Amino acid sequence: MSQRWVFDALVKDREDKIGLIAYSLYKFEKNELANRLNSEGKTPTQIRSELRTFHNHALGDSRIEGFRDHAEVIIRDLMDQIEEDLRAEYQLQFDNVNTLLDDYDSLQATIKDFPNVIKRERENAILDFHRAVTRKESRETGRIIRAIKWVRDGFQGVIAAILLALFIYGLCALALSPDDRQGIVDKAYNNFKASFFQQANTPIVNSLDGQ
């Protein structure tokens, strides 16, 4: 009967959450007191007497108000913790949404720029191909130029030989008879052929010495 009185003093109705928690606090303290008295070796009669005294004190206005104040603190702390946990959870979800939005924007930008990427890659491929062809043409041109220089140098030697032969023939024409001049011409022609085909020459000077 007395327990019901404490309950009635603490709990206004079934929706009174503060009162229900306050009554739980009362029961918790009463149970702690009983356990402590038992551990101290008190007899059951002594324990019942101490609990009755505790009960009577709990019915006082200050104790009832203290239980309810303590219950309000517990509820407030609980609500603060729940709010903090919810805020952290919502912040995490918000950050995830922002990350998804950023990824979406980045993907949209990539898709939007995709034609430009293709254009740049195509231009780079054409440029690389042009560079490769240019390098090949440069190598081919270098070989052609070297060949032309080689032919030019060879013809310069041939022309020089022809000019020298003509000069010597002119000198011989002034000093020799027609038969001797014909022999000199034949010798010069043979030397020219030998020089052109990179064969051993018969020096014209030696031919003159032999005449």
N, C-alpha and C. Protein backbone atom coordinates (compact mmCIF):
# COMPACT_ATOMS: atom_id res chain seq x y z
N MET A 1 0.83 -1.21 0.00
CA MET A 1 0.00 0.00 0.00
C MET A 1 0.85 1.25 0.00
N SER A 2 1.92 1.22 0.83
CA SER A 2 2.79 2.38 0.92
C SER A 2 3.51 2.63 -0.39
N GLN A 3 3.93 1.55 -1.10
CA GLN A 3 4.60 1.71 -2.38
C GLN A 3 3.67 2.40 -3.38
N ARG A 4 2.40 2.07 -3.32
CA ARG A 4 1.47 2.72 -4.22
C ARG A 4 1.37 4.21 -3.92
N TRP A 5 1.49 4.56 -2.68
CA TRP A 5 1.44 5.97 -2.32
C TRP A 5 2.64 6.72 -2.92
N VAL A 6 3.80 6.13 -2.82
CA VAL A 6 4.98 6.77 -3.44
C VAL A 6 4.76 6.89 -4.95
N PHE A 7 4.25 5.84 -5.52
CA PHE A 7 3.98 5.88 -6.96
C PHE A 7 3.00 7.00 -7.29
N ASP A 8 1.93 7.08 -6.49
CA ASP A 8 0.93 8.13 -6.74
C ASP A 8 1.51 9.52 -6.54
N ALA A 9 2.46 9.64 -5.62
CA ALA A 9 3.07 10.94 -5.37
C ALA A 9 4.00 11.35 -6.51
N LEU A 10 4.61 10.40 -7.17
CA LEU A 10 5.59 10.70 -8.22
C LEU A 10 4.96 10.74 -9.62
N VAL A 11 4.01 9.86 -9.90
CA VAL A 11 3.47 9.71 -11.25
C VAL A 11 2.07 10.31 -11.30
N LYS A 12 1.90 11.29 -12.19
CA LYS A 12 0.60 11.96 -12.31
C LYS A 12 -0.37 11.13 -13.15
N ASP A 13 0.08 10.59 -14.25
CA ASP A 13 -0.75 9.73 -15.10
C ASP A 13 0.18 8.84 -15.93
N ARG A 14 -0.42 8.01 -16.78
CA ARG A 14 0.39 7.07 -17.55
C ARG A 14 1.25 7.76 -18.62
N GLU A 15 0.93 9.02 -18.96
CA GLU A 15 1.74 9.76 -19.94
C GLU A 15 2.84 10.57 -19.26
N ASP A 16 2.90 10.51 -17.93
CA ASP A 16 3.90 11.29 -17.18
C ASP A 16 5.24 10.55 -17.21
N LYS A 17 6.03 10.85 -18.24
CA LYS A 17 7.31 10.15 -18.41
C LYS A 17 8.28 10.53 -17.30
N ILE A 18 8.26 11.80 -16.90
CA ILE A 18 9.15 12.22 -15.83
C ILE A 18 8.82 11.48 -14.54
N GLY A 19 7.51 11.36 -14.24
CA GLY A 19 7.09 10.65 -13.03
C GLY A 19 7.48 9.18 -13.07
N LEU A 20 7.32 8.54 -14.22
CA LEU A 20 7.68 7.13 -14.32
C LEU A 20 9.18 6.93 -14.09
N ILE A 21 9.98 7.83 -14.67
CA ILE A 21 11.43 7.72 -14.45
C ILE A 21 11.77 8.04 -13.00
N ALA A 22 11.06 9.02 -12.41
CA ALA A 22 11.31 9.37 -11.00
C ALA A 22 11.01 8.18 -10.09
N TYR A 23 9.92 7.48 -10.35
CA TYR A 23 9.58 6.31 -9.54
C TYR A 23 10.64 5.21 -9.71
N SER A 24 11.18 5.08 -10.94
CA SER A 24 12.25 4.10 -11.17
C SER A 24 13.49 4.48 -10.34
N LEU A 25 13.76 5.77 -10.23
CA LEU A 25 14.89 6.21 -9.42
C LEU A 25 14.66 5.89 -7.94
N TYR A 26 13.43 6.10 -7.50
CA TYR A 26 13.09 5.76 -6.10
C TYR A 26 13.32 4.27 -5.84
N LYS A 27 12.81 3.41 -6.75
CA LYS A 27 12.96 1.97 -6.58
C LYS A 27 14.44 1.57 -6.63
N PHE A 28 15.21 2.26 -7.47
CA PHE A 28 16.64 1.94 -7.59
C PHE A 28 17.36 2.25 -6.28
N GLU A 29 17.10 3.43 -5.72
CA GLU A 29 17.75 3.79 -4.46
C GLU A 29 17.33 2.85 -3.32
N LYS A 30 16.05 2.49 -3.30
CA LYS A 30 15.56 1.58 -2.26
C LYS A 30 16.22 0.21 -2.37
N ASN A 31 16.40 -0.28 -3.58
CA ASN A 31 17.06 -1.58 -3.78
C ASN A 31 18.53 -1.51 -3.38
N GLU A 32 19.20 -0.38 -3.72
CA GLU A 32 20.59 -0.23 -3.32
C GLU A 32 20.73 -0.24 -1.79
N LEU A 33 19.79 0.45 -1.11
CA LEU A 33 19.82 0.48 0.36
C LEU A 33 19.65 -0.93 0.93
N ALA A 34 18.72 -1.69 0.40
CA ALA A 34 18.50 -3.05 0.89
C ALA A 34 19.74 -3.91 0.69
N ASN A 35 20.37 -3.81 -0.45
CA ASN A 35 21.58 -4.60 -0.71
C ASN A 35 22.71 -4.20 0.23
N ARG A 36 22.85 -2.91 0.47
CA ARG A 36 23.92 -2.45 1.36
C ARG A 36 23.70 -2.95 2.79
N LEU A 37 22.43 -2.84 3.27
CA LEU A 37 22.13 -3.32 4.63
C LEU A 37 22.36 -4.82 4.75
N ASN A 38 22.02 -5.54 3.70
CA ASN A 38 22.23 -7.00 3.72
C ASN A 38 23.71 -7.34 3.76
N SER A 39 24.50 -6.58 2.97
CA SER A 39 25.95 -6.83 2.97
C SER A 39 26.59 -6.46 4.30
N GLU A 40 25.95 -5.56 5.04
CA GLU A 40 26.47 -5.18 6.36
C GLU A 40 26.07 -6.18 7.45
N GLY A 41 25.28 -7.17 7.08
CA GLY A 41 24.89 -8.21 8.03
C GLY A 41 23.66 -7.89 8.86
N LYS A 42 22.87 -6.93 8.38
CA LYS A 42 21.65 -6.59 9.10
C LYS A 42 20.65 -7.75 8.99
N THR A 43 19.84 -7.88 10.00
CA THR A 43 18.80 -8.91 10.00
C THR A 43 17.65 -8.45 9.13
N PRO A 44 16.81 -9.38 8.65
CA PRO A 44 15.66 -9.00 7.84
C PRO A 44 14.78 -7.97 8.55
N THR A 45 14.63 -8.11 9.85
CA THR A 45 13.79 -7.14 10.57
C THR A 45 14.41 -5.75 10.51
N GLN A 46 15.71 -5.71 10.70
CA GLN A 46 16.40 -4.42 10.64
C GLN A 46 16.30 -3.81 9.23
N ILE A 47 16.43 -4.66 8.23
CA ILE A 47 16.35 -4.17 6.85
C ILE A 47 14.97 -3.61 6.56
N ARG A 48 13.91 -4.32 7.00
CA ARG A 48 12.55 -3.83 6.77
C ARG A 48 12.33 -2.50 7.48
N SER A 49 12.91 -2.36 8.65
CA SER A 49 12.76 -1.12 9.41
C SER A 49 13.45 0.04 8.68
N GLU A 50 14.65 -0.20 8.18
CA GLU A 50 15.38 0.84 7.45
C GLU A 50 14.65 1.21 6.16
N LEU A 51 14.11 0.25 5.48
CA LEU A 51 13.40 0.53 4.23
C LEU A 51 12.12 1.31 4.49
N ARG A 52 11.46 1.04 5.61
CA ARG A 52 10.25 1.79 5.95
C ARG A 52 10.61 3.26 6.21
N THR A 53 11.71 3.46 6.90
CA THR A 53 12.16 4.83 7.15
C THR A 53 12.47 5.54 5.83
N PHE A 54 13.17 4.83 4.92
CA PHE A 54 13.49 5.39 3.60
C PHE A 54 12.20 5.76 2.86
N HIS A 55 11.23 4.89 2.94
CA HIS A 55 9.94 5.11 2.27
C HIS A 55 9.26 6.36 2.81
N ASN A 56 9.26 6.52 4.11
CA ASN A 56 8.61 7.67 4.71
C ASN A 56 9.29 8.98 4.30
N HIS A 57 10.63 8.94 4.24
CA HIS A 57 11.36 10.13 3.81
C HIS A 57 11.08 10.43 2.33
N ALA A 58 10.93 9.38 1.54
CA ALA A 58 10.68 9.59 0.11
C ALA A 58 9.36 10.27 -0.16
N LEU A 59 8.42 10.17 0.75
CA LEU A 59 7.11 10.80 0.55
C LEU A 59 7.14 12.29 0.85
N GLY A 60 8.26 12.77 1.38
CA GLY A 60 8.36 14.20 1.64
C GLY A 60 8.42 14.98 0.33
N ASP A 61 7.94 16.24 0.42
CA ASP A 61 7.88 17.06 -0.80
C ASP A 61 9.26 17.27 -1.42
N SER A 62 10.25 17.49 -0.59
CA SER A 62 11.60 17.74 -1.13
C SER A 62 12.15 16.51 -1.85
N ARG A 63 11.87 15.32 -1.28
CA ARG A 63 12.34 14.11 -1.92
C ARG A 63 11.59 13.83 -3.21
N ILE A 64 10.27 14.05 -3.19
CA ILE A 64 9.48 13.86 -4.41
C ILE A 64 9.99 14.81 -5.49
N GLU A 65 10.20 16.06 -5.14
CA GLU A 65 10.71 17.04 -6.11
C GLU A 65 12.11 16.66 -6.59
N GLY A 66 12.94 16.13 -5.68
CA GLY A 66 14.29 15.72 -6.05
C GLY A 66 14.28 14.56 -7.04
N PHE A 67 13.39 13.59 -6.79
CA PHE A 67 13.28 12.48 -7.75
C PHE A 67 12.85 12.97 -9.14
N ARG A 68 11.90 13.87 -9.16
CA ARG A 68 11.40 14.37 -10.45
C ARG A 68 12.46 15.23 -11.15
N ASP A 69 13.18 16.06 -10.37
CA ASP A 69 14.25 16.87 -10.98
C ASP A 69 15.33 15.97 -11.58
N HIS A 70 15.67 14.94 -10.83
CA HIS A 70 16.68 14.00 -11.34
C HIS A 70 16.18 13.32 -12.62
N ALA A 71 14.90 12.99 -12.65
CA ALA A 71 14.31 12.37 -13.84
C ALA A 71 14.36 13.33 -15.03
N GLU A 72 14.09 14.62 -14.78
CA GLU A 72 14.15 15.61 -15.86
C GLU A 72 15.57 15.73 -16.42
N VAL A 73 16.56 15.70 -15.53
CA VAL A 73 17.96 15.76 -15.99
C VAL A 73 18.29 14.56 -16.86
N ILE A 74 17.84 13.38 -16.43
CA ILE A 74 18.10 12.17 -17.21
C ILE A 74 17.45 12.27 -18.59
N ILE A 75 16.20 12.73 -18.63
CA ILE A 75 15.49 12.86 -19.91
C ILE A 75 16.18 13.90 -20.79
N ARG A 76 16.58 15.03 -20.19
CA ARG A 76 17.24 16.07 -20.97
C ARG A 76 18.57 15.58 -21.55
N ASP A 77 19.34 14.90 -20.71
CA ASP A 77 20.62 14.35 -21.20
C ASP A 77 20.37 13.32 -22.31
N LEU A 78 19.34 12.51 -22.09
CA LEU A 78 19.02 11.50 -23.09
C LEU A 78 18.61 12.14 -24.41
N MET A 79 17.79 13.19 -24.33
CA MET A 79 17.36 13.88 -25.55
C MET A 79 18.53 14.57 -26.23
N ASP A 80 19.42 15.16 -25.42
CA ASP A 80 20.61 15.81 -26.01
C ASP A 80 21.48 14.79 -26.73
N GLN A 81 21.63 13.63 -26.11
CA GLN A 81 22.45 12.58 -26.74
C GLN A 81 21.80 12.09 -28.03
N ILE A 82 20.46 11.91 -27.96
CA ILE A 82 19.75 11.48 -29.17
C ILE A 82 19.87 12.54 -30.26
N GLU A 83 19.71 13.81 -29.87
CA GLU A 83 19.81 14.89 -30.85
C GLU A 83 21.21 14.94 -31.46
N GLU A 84 22.22 14.76 -30.61
CA GLU A 84 23.59 14.77 -31.12
C GLU A 84 23.84 13.61 -32.08
N ASP A 85 23.34 12.44 -31.69
CA ASP A 85 23.51 11.27 -32.57
C ASP A 85 22.77 11.47 -33.89
N LEU A 86 21.56 12.02 -33.81
CA LEU A 86 20.79 12.26 -35.04
C LEU A 86 21.47 13.31 -35.90
N ARG A 87 21.99 14.36 -35.24
CA ARG A 87 22.66 15.41 -36.00
C ARG A 87 23.89 14.85 -36.71
N ALA A 88 24.65 14.00 -35.99
CA ALA A 88 25.83 13.39 -36.61
C ALA A 88 25.43 12.49 -37.78
N GLU A 89 24.33 11.75 -37.58
CA GLU A 89 23.86 10.86 -38.65
C GLU A 89 23.38 11.66 -39.85
N TYR A 90 22.62 12.73 -39.58
CA TYR A 90 22.13 13.57 -40.67
C TYR A 90 23.29 14.28 -41.38
N GLN A 91 24.29 14.70 -40.60
CA GLN A 91 25.44 15.35 -41.21
C GLN A 91 26.19 14.38 -42.12
N LEU A 92 26.31 13.13 -41.64
CA LEU A 92 26.96 12.12 -42.47
C LEU A 92 26.18 11.89 -43.76
N GLN A 93 24.86 11.78 -43.63
CA GLN A 93 24.03 11.60 -44.82
C GLN A 93 24.12 12.82 -45.73
N PHE A 94 24.14 14.00 -45.11
CA PHE A 94 24.25 15.23 -45.90
C PHE A 94 25.57 15.28 -46.65
N ASP A 95 26.65 14.91 -45.95
CA ASP A 95 27.96 14.87 -46.61
C ASP A 95 27.98 13.86 -47.74
N ASN A 96 27.33 12.71 -47.49
CA ASN A 96 27.27 11.70 -48.55
C ASN A 96 26.50 12.21 -49.76
N VAL A 97 25.40 12.93 -49.48
CA VAL A 97 24.62 13.50 -50.57
C VAL A 97 25.45 14.53 -51.33
N ASN A 98 26.17 15.37 -50.58
CA ASN A 98 27.02 16.37 -51.24
C ASN A 98 28.10 15.71 -52.08
N THR A 99 28.66 14.61 -51.54
CA THR A 99 29.67 13.89 -52.30
C THR A 99 29.07 13.32 -53.59
N LEU A 100 27.87 12.76 -53.46
CA LEU A 100 27.20 12.23 -54.65
C LEU A 100 26.90 13.33 -55.64
N LEU A 101 26.48 14.50 -55.12
CA LEU A 101 26.20 15.63 -56.02
C LEU A 101 27.47 16.10 -56.70
N ASP A 102 28.57 16.16 -55.93
CA ASP A 102 29.85 16.56 -56.54
C ASP A 102 30.27 15.56 -57.60
N ASP A 103 30.12 14.26 -57.28
CA ASP A 103 30.46 13.24 -58.27
C ASP A 103 29.57 13.36 -59.50
N TYR A 104 28.29 13.67 -59.26
CA TYR A 104 27.36 13.82 -60.38
C TYR A 104 27.76 15.02 -61.24
N ASP A 105 28.09 16.15 -60.57
CA ASP A 105 28.52 17.33 -61.32
C ASP A 105 29.79 17.04 -62.10
N SER A 106 30.72 16.32 -61.46
CA SER A 106 31.96 15.98 -62.15
C SER A 106 31.69 15.08 -63.34
N LEU A 107 30.77 14.12 -63.15
CA LEU A 107 30.41 13.23 -64.25
C LEU A 107 29.74 14.01 -65.37
N GLN A 108 28.85 14.94 -65.00
CA GLN A 108 28.19 15.76 -66.01
C GLN A 108 29.21 16.58 -66.79
N ALA A 109 30.18 17.16 -66.06
CA ALA A 109 31.22 17.96 -66.73
C ALA A 109 32.05 17.08 -67.67
N THR A 110 32.35 15.86 -67.21
CA THR A 110 33.13 14.94 -68.05
C THR A 110 32.35 14.58 -69.32
N ILE A 111 31.06 14.29 -69.14
CA ILE A 111 30.23 13.96 -70.30
C ILE A 111 30.13 15.15 -71.24
N LYS A 112 29.96 16.33 -70.67
CA LYS A 112 29.84 17.54 -71.48
C LYS A 112 31.13 17.81 -72.25
N ASP A 113 32.27 17.53 -71.63
CA ASP A 113 33.56 17.81 -72.25
C ASP A 113 34.05 16.64 -73.11
N PHE A 114 33.29 15.56 -73.15
CA PHE A 114 33.73 14.37 -73.87
C PHE A 114 34.00 14.64 -75.36
N PRO A 115 33.12 15.39 -76.06
CA PRO A 115 33.43 15.70 -77.46
C PRO A 115 34.76 16.44 -77.61
N ASN A 116 35.05 17.37 -76.68
CA ASN A 116 36.32 18.09 -76.75
C ASN A 116 37.49 17.15 -76.51
N VAL A 117 37.30 16.19 -75.60
CA VAL A 117 38.36 15.21 -75.34
C VAL A 117 38.63 14.39 -76.60
N ILE A 118 37.56 13.95 -77.24
CA ILE A 118 37.73 13.18 -78.48
C ILE A 118 38.44 14.02 -79.54
N LYS A 119 38.04 15.31 -79.65
CA LYS A 119 38.65 16.20 -80.63
C LYS A 119 40.14 16.37 -80.35
N ARG A 120 40.49 16.58 -79.06
CA ARG A 120 41.90 16.75 -78.72
C ARG A 120 42.70 15.49 -79.01
N GLU A 121 42.13 14.34 -78.66
CA GLU A 121 42.84 13.09 -78.92
C GLU A 121 43.02 12.85 -80.41
N ARG A 122 42.00 13.22 -81.19
CA ARG A 122 42.11 13.07 -82.64
C ARG A 122 43.19 14.00 -83.19
N GLU A 123 43.19 15.25 -82.71
CA GLU A 123 44.21 16.20 -83.16
C GLU A 123 45.61 15.73 -82.76
N ASN A 124 45.74 15.20 -81.55
CA ASN A 124 47.04 14.69 -81.11
C ASN A 124 47.49 13.52 -81.96
N ALA A 125 46.53 12.65 -82.32
CA ALA A 125 46.88 11.50 -83.16
C ALA A 125 47.35 11.97 -84.54
N ILE A 126 46.63 12.96 -85.10
CA ILE A 126 47.04 13.50 -86.41
C ILE A 126 48.40 14.15 -86.31
N LEU A 127 48.63 14.91 -85.23
CA LEU A 127 49.91 15.58 -85.04
C LEU A 127 51.04 14.57 -84.89
N ASP A 128 50.80 13.51 -84.13
CA ASP A 128 51.83 12.48 -83.98
C ASP A 128 52.13 11.81 -85.32
N PHE A 129 51.08 11.54 -86.10
CA PHE A 129 51.29 10.93 -87.41
C PHE A 129 52.09 11.87 -88.31
N HIS A 130 51.74 13.17 -88.28
CA HIS A 130 52.45 14.16 -89.10
C HIS A 130 53.92 14.23 -88.71
N ARG A 131 54.18 14.19 -87.39
CA ARG A 131 55.57 14.24 -86.94
C ARG A 131 56.34 13.00 -87.40
N ALA A 132 55.68 11.85 -87.33
CA ALA A 132 56.35 10.62 -87.77
C ALA A 132 56.67 10.68 -89.26
N VAL A 133 55.70 11.15 -90.06
CA VAL A 133 55.92 11.27 -91.51
C VAL A 133 57.02 12.28 -91.79
N THR A 134 57.00 13.40 -91.05
CA THR A 134 58.02 14.44 -91.25
C THR A 134 59.41 13.90 -90.95
N ARG A 135 59.52 13.13 -89.85
CA ARG A 135 60.83 12.55 -89.53
C ARG A 135 61.28 11.59 -90.63
N LYS A 136 60.33 10.80 -91.14
CA LYS A 136 60.69 9.85 -92.20
C LYS A 136 61.09 10.60 -93.46
N GLU A 137 60.33 11.67 -93.81
CA GLU A 137 60.67 12.45 -94.99
C GLU A 137 62.03 13.12 -94.83
N SER A 138 62.31 13.57 -93.59
CA SER A 138 63.61 14.20 -93.34
C SER A 138 64.74 13.21 -93.56
N ARG A 139 64.52 11.96 -93.08
CA ARG A 139 65.55 10.94 -93.30
C ARG A 139 65.71 10.64 -94.79
N GLU A 140 64.55 10.52 -95.50
CA GLU A 140 64.62 10.24 -96.94
C GLU A 140 65.28 11.40 -97.67
N THR A 141 64.90 12.64 -97.29
CA THR A 141 65.48 13.82 -97.93
C THR A 141 66.98 13.88 -97.69
N GLY A 142 67.40 13.52 -96.48
CA GLY A 142 68.82 13.51 -96.18
C GLY A 142 69.57 12.53 -97.06
N ARG A 143 68.98 11.35 -97.25
CA ARG A 143 69.64 10.36 -98.12
C ARG A 143 69.70 10.86 -99.56
N ILE A 144 68.61 11.50 -100.02
CA ILE A 144 68.58 12.01 -101.40
C ILE A 144 69.62 13.10 -101.59
N ILE A 145 69.69 14.00 -100.59
CA ILE A 145 70.66 15.10 -100.69
C ILE A 145 72.08 14.55 -100.72
N ARG A 146 72.34 13.55 -99.87
CA ARG A 146 73.68 12.96 -99.88
C ARG A 146 73.97 12.30 -101.23
N ALA A 147 72.95 11.66 -101.81
CA ALA A 147 73.16 11.04 -103.12
C ALA A 147 73.44 12.09 -104.19
N ILE A 148 72.67 13.20 -104.13
CA ILE A 148 72.88 14.27 -105.11
C ILE A 148 74.29 14.85 -104.98
N LYS A 149 74.71 15.07 -103.72
CA LYS A 149 76.06 15.61 -103.51
C LYS A 149 77.11 14.64 -104.04
N TRP A 150 76.86 13.34 -103.81
CA TRP A 150 77.83 12.35 -104.29
C TRP A 150 77.92 12.38 -105.82
N VAL A 151 76.74 12.44 -106.49
CA VAL A 151 76.72 12.50 -107.96
C VAL A 151 77.37 13.78 -108.45
N ARG A 152 77.02 14.90 -107.72
CA ARG A 152 77.60 16.18 -108.13
C ARG A 152 79.11 16.16 -108.03
N ASP A 153 79.61 15.64 -106.93
CA ASP A 153 81.07 15.59 -106.76
C ASP A 153 81.70 14.70 -107.81
N GLY A 154 81.02 13.61 -108.14
CA GLY A 154 81.55 12.72 -109.17
C GLY A 154 81.59 13.40 -110.53
N PHE A 155 80.49 14.11 -110.86
CA PHE A 155 80.47 14.80 -112.15
C PHE A 155 81.50 15.92 -112.19
N GLN A 156 81.74 16.56 -111.05
CA GLN A 156 82.76 17.61 -111.03
C GLN A 156 84.12 17.03 -111.40
N GLY A 157 84.39 15.82 -110.88
CA GLY A 157 85.66 15.18 -111.22
C GLY A 157 85.72 14.82 -112.70
N VAL A 158 84.60 14.33 -113.24
CA VAL A 158 84.56 13.98 -114.66
C VAL A 158 84.76 15.20 -115.53
N ILE A 159 84.04 16.28 -115.20
CA ILE A 159 84.16 17.51 -115.99
C ILE A 159 85.58 18.05 -115.93
N ALA A 160 86.18 17.98 -114.74
CA ALA A 160 87.56 18.46 -114.61
C ALA A 160 88.48 17.64 -115.50
N ALA A 161 88.25 16.33 -115.55
CA ALA A 161 89.09 15.48 -116.40
C ALA A 161 88.90 15.84 -117.87
N ILE A 162 87.63 16.10 -118.25
CA ILE A 162 87.37 16.46 -119.65
C ILE A 162 88.05 17.77 -120.00
N LEU A 163 87.92 18.75 -119.12
CA LEU A 163 88.54 20.06 -119.37
C LEU A 163 90.06 19.93 -119.47
N LEU A 164 90.65 19.12 -118.59
CA LEU A 164 92.10 18.93 -118.64
C LEU A 164 92.51 18.26 -119.95
N ALA A 165 91.71 17.27 -120.37
CA ALA A 165 92.03 16.58 -121.62
C ALA A 165 91.94 17.54 -122.80
N LEU A 166 90.90 18.37 -122.80
CA LEU A 166 90.75 19.34 -123.89
C LEU A 166 91.90 20.33 -123.90
N PHE A 167 92.33 20.74 -122.72
CA PHE A 167 93.44 21.69 -122.63
C PHE A 167 94.73 21.08 -123.19
N ILE A 168 95.00 19.85 -122.78
CA ILE A 168 96.21 19.18 -123.25
C ILE A 168 96.12 18.93 -124.76
N TYR A 169 94.91 18.52 -125.21
CA TYR A 169 94.75 18.30 -126.65
C TYR A 169 95.00 19.59 -127.42
N GLY A 170 94.57 20.70 -126.89
CA GLY A 170 94.82 21.98 -127.56
C GLY A 170 96.29 22.28 -127.66
N LEU A 171 97.04 22.00 -126.61
CA LEU A 171 98.48 22.24 -126.64
C LEU A 171 99.15 21.32 -127.67
N CYS A 172 98.68 20.06 -127.67
CA CYS A 172 99.27 19.11 -128.61
C CYS A 172 98.95 19.47 -130.06
N ALA A 173 97.78 20.02 -130.27
CA ALA A 173 97.37 20.39 -131.62
C ALA A 173 98.28 21.46 -132.21
N LEU A 174 98.85 22.25 -131.35
CA LEU A 174 99.73 23.32 -131.82
C LEU A 174 101.12 22.81 -132.16
N ALA A 175 101.53 21.70 -131.53
CA ALA A 175 102.91 21.27 -131.68
C ALA A 175 103.09 19.96 -132.44
N LEU A 176 102.03 19.16 -132.60
CA LEU A 176 102.19 17.84 -133.20
C LEU A 176 101.56 17.78 -134.58
N SER A 177 101.95 16.70 -135.28
CA SER A 177 101.39 16.46 -136.60
C SER A 177 99.99 15.87 -136.46
N PRO A 178 99.23 15.81 -137.56
CA PRO A 178 97.87 15.25 -137.47
C PRO A 178 97.85 13.83 -136.96
N ASP A 179 98.80 12.99 -137.39
CA ASP A 179 98.79 11.61 -136.91
C ASP A 179 99.07 11.54 -135.41
N ASP A 180 100.04 12.36 -135.01
CA ASP A 180 100.35 12.36 -133.57
C ASP A 180 99.18 12.89 -132.76
N ARG A 181 98.49 13.90 -133.31
CA ARG A 181 97.33 14.44 -132.57
C ARG A 181 96.25 13.39 -132.43
N GLN A 182 96.02 12.56 -133.50
CA GLN A 182 94.99 11.53 -133.42
C GLN A 182 95.34 10.50 -132.35
N GLY A 183 96.65 10.18 -132.26
CA GLY A 183 97.07 9.24 -131.22
C GLY A 183 96.81 9.80 -129.83
N ILE A 184 97.08 11.09 -129.71
CA ILE A 184 96.83 11.73 -128.40
C ILE A 184 95.34 11.70 -128.08
N VAL A 185 94.50 11.95 -129.08
CA VAL A 185 93.04 11.93 -128.86
C VAL A 185 92.59 10.55 -128.43
N ASP A 186 93.13 9.52 -129.10
CA ASP A 186 92.74 8.16 -128.72
C ASP A 186 93.16 7.85 -127.28
N LYS A 187 94.37 8.23 -126.95
CA LYS A 187 94.83 8.01 -125.57
C LYS A 187 93.96 8.76 -124.56
N ALA A 188 93.62 10.01 -124.90
CA ALA A 188 92.81 10.81 -123.97
C ALA A 188 91.42 10.21 -123.80
N TYR A 189 90.85 9.70 -124.90
CA TYR A 189 89.52 9.09 -124.82
C TYR A 189 89.54 7.84 -123.94
N ASN A 190 90.60 7.04 -124.15
CA ASN A 190 90.72 5.83 -123.33
C ASN A 190 90.88 6.18 -121.84
N ASN A 191 91.67 7.22 -121.57
CA ASN A 191 91.84 7.65 -120.17
C ASN A 191 90.52 8.16 -119.58
N PHE A 192 89.75 8.86 -120.42
CA PHE A 192 88.46 9.38 -119.94
C PHE A 192 87.52 8.23 -119.58
N LYS A 193 87.48 7.21 -120.45
CA LYS A 193 86.62 6.06 -120.14
C LYS A 193 87.08 5.36 -118.87
N ALA A 194 88.37 5.19 -118.74
CA ALA A 194 88.88 4.52 -117.54
C ALA A 194 88.56 5.33 -116.28
N SER A 195 88.65 6.65 -116.37
CA SER A 195 88.36 7.49 -115.20
C SER A 195 86.88 7.47 -114.86
N PHE A 196 86.04 7.47 -115.86
CA PHE A 196 84.59 7.51 -115.62
C PHE A 196 84.09 6.23 -114.96
N PHE A 197 84.66 5.09 -115.41
CA PHE A 197 84.24 3.80 -114.85
C PHE A 197 85.15 3.34 -113.72
N GLN A 198 85.95 4.28 -113.14
CA GLN A 198 86.83 4.03 -112.00
C GLN A 198 87.81 2.90 -112.31
N GLN A 199 88.38 2.95 -113.51
CA GLN A 199 89.41 1.99 -113.88
C GLN A 199 90.75 2.71 -113.89
N ALA A 200 91.84 1.95 -113.97
CA ALA A 200 93.17 2.55 -113.95
C ALA A 200 93.36 3.40 -115.19
N ASN A 201 93.85 4.64 -115.01
CA ASN A 201 94.08 5.57 -116.12
C ASN A 201 95.50 5.41 -116.64
N THR A 202 95.64 5.74 -117.93
CA THR A 202 96.97 5.85 -118.53
C THR A 202 97.27 7.32 -118.62
N PRO A 203 98.16 7.85 -117.81
CA PRO A 203 98.37 9.30 -117.78
C PRO A 203 98.72 9.83 -119.14
N ILE A 204 98.08 10.98 -119.44
CA ILE A 204 98.32 11.62 -120.75
C ILE A 204 99.75 12.09 -120.86
N VAL A 205 100.30 12.53 -119.75
CA VAL A 205 101.68 13.02 -119.78
C VAL A 205 102.61 11.90 -120.18
N ASN A 206 102.36 10.69 -119.64
CA ASN A 206 103.19 9.55 -120.01
C ASN A 206 103.04 9.22 -121.48
N SER A 207 101.79 9.39 -122.00
CA SER A 207 101.57 9.14 -123.42
C SER A 207 102.38 10.09 -124.25
N LEU A 208 102.43 11.32 -123.82
CA LEU A 208 103.20 12.30 -124.56
C LEU A 208 104.67 11.93 -124.54
N ASP A 209 105.12 11.44 -123.39
CA ASP A 209 106.53 11.06 -123.30
C ASP A 209 106.83 9.89 -124.21
N GLY A 210 105.79 9.02 -124.41
CA GLY A 210 106.03 7.85 -125.24
C GLY A 210 105.98 8.18 -126.71
N GLN A 211 105.45 9.30 -127.15
CA GLN A 211 105.34 9.64 -128.56
C GLN A 211 106.66 10.13 -129.10
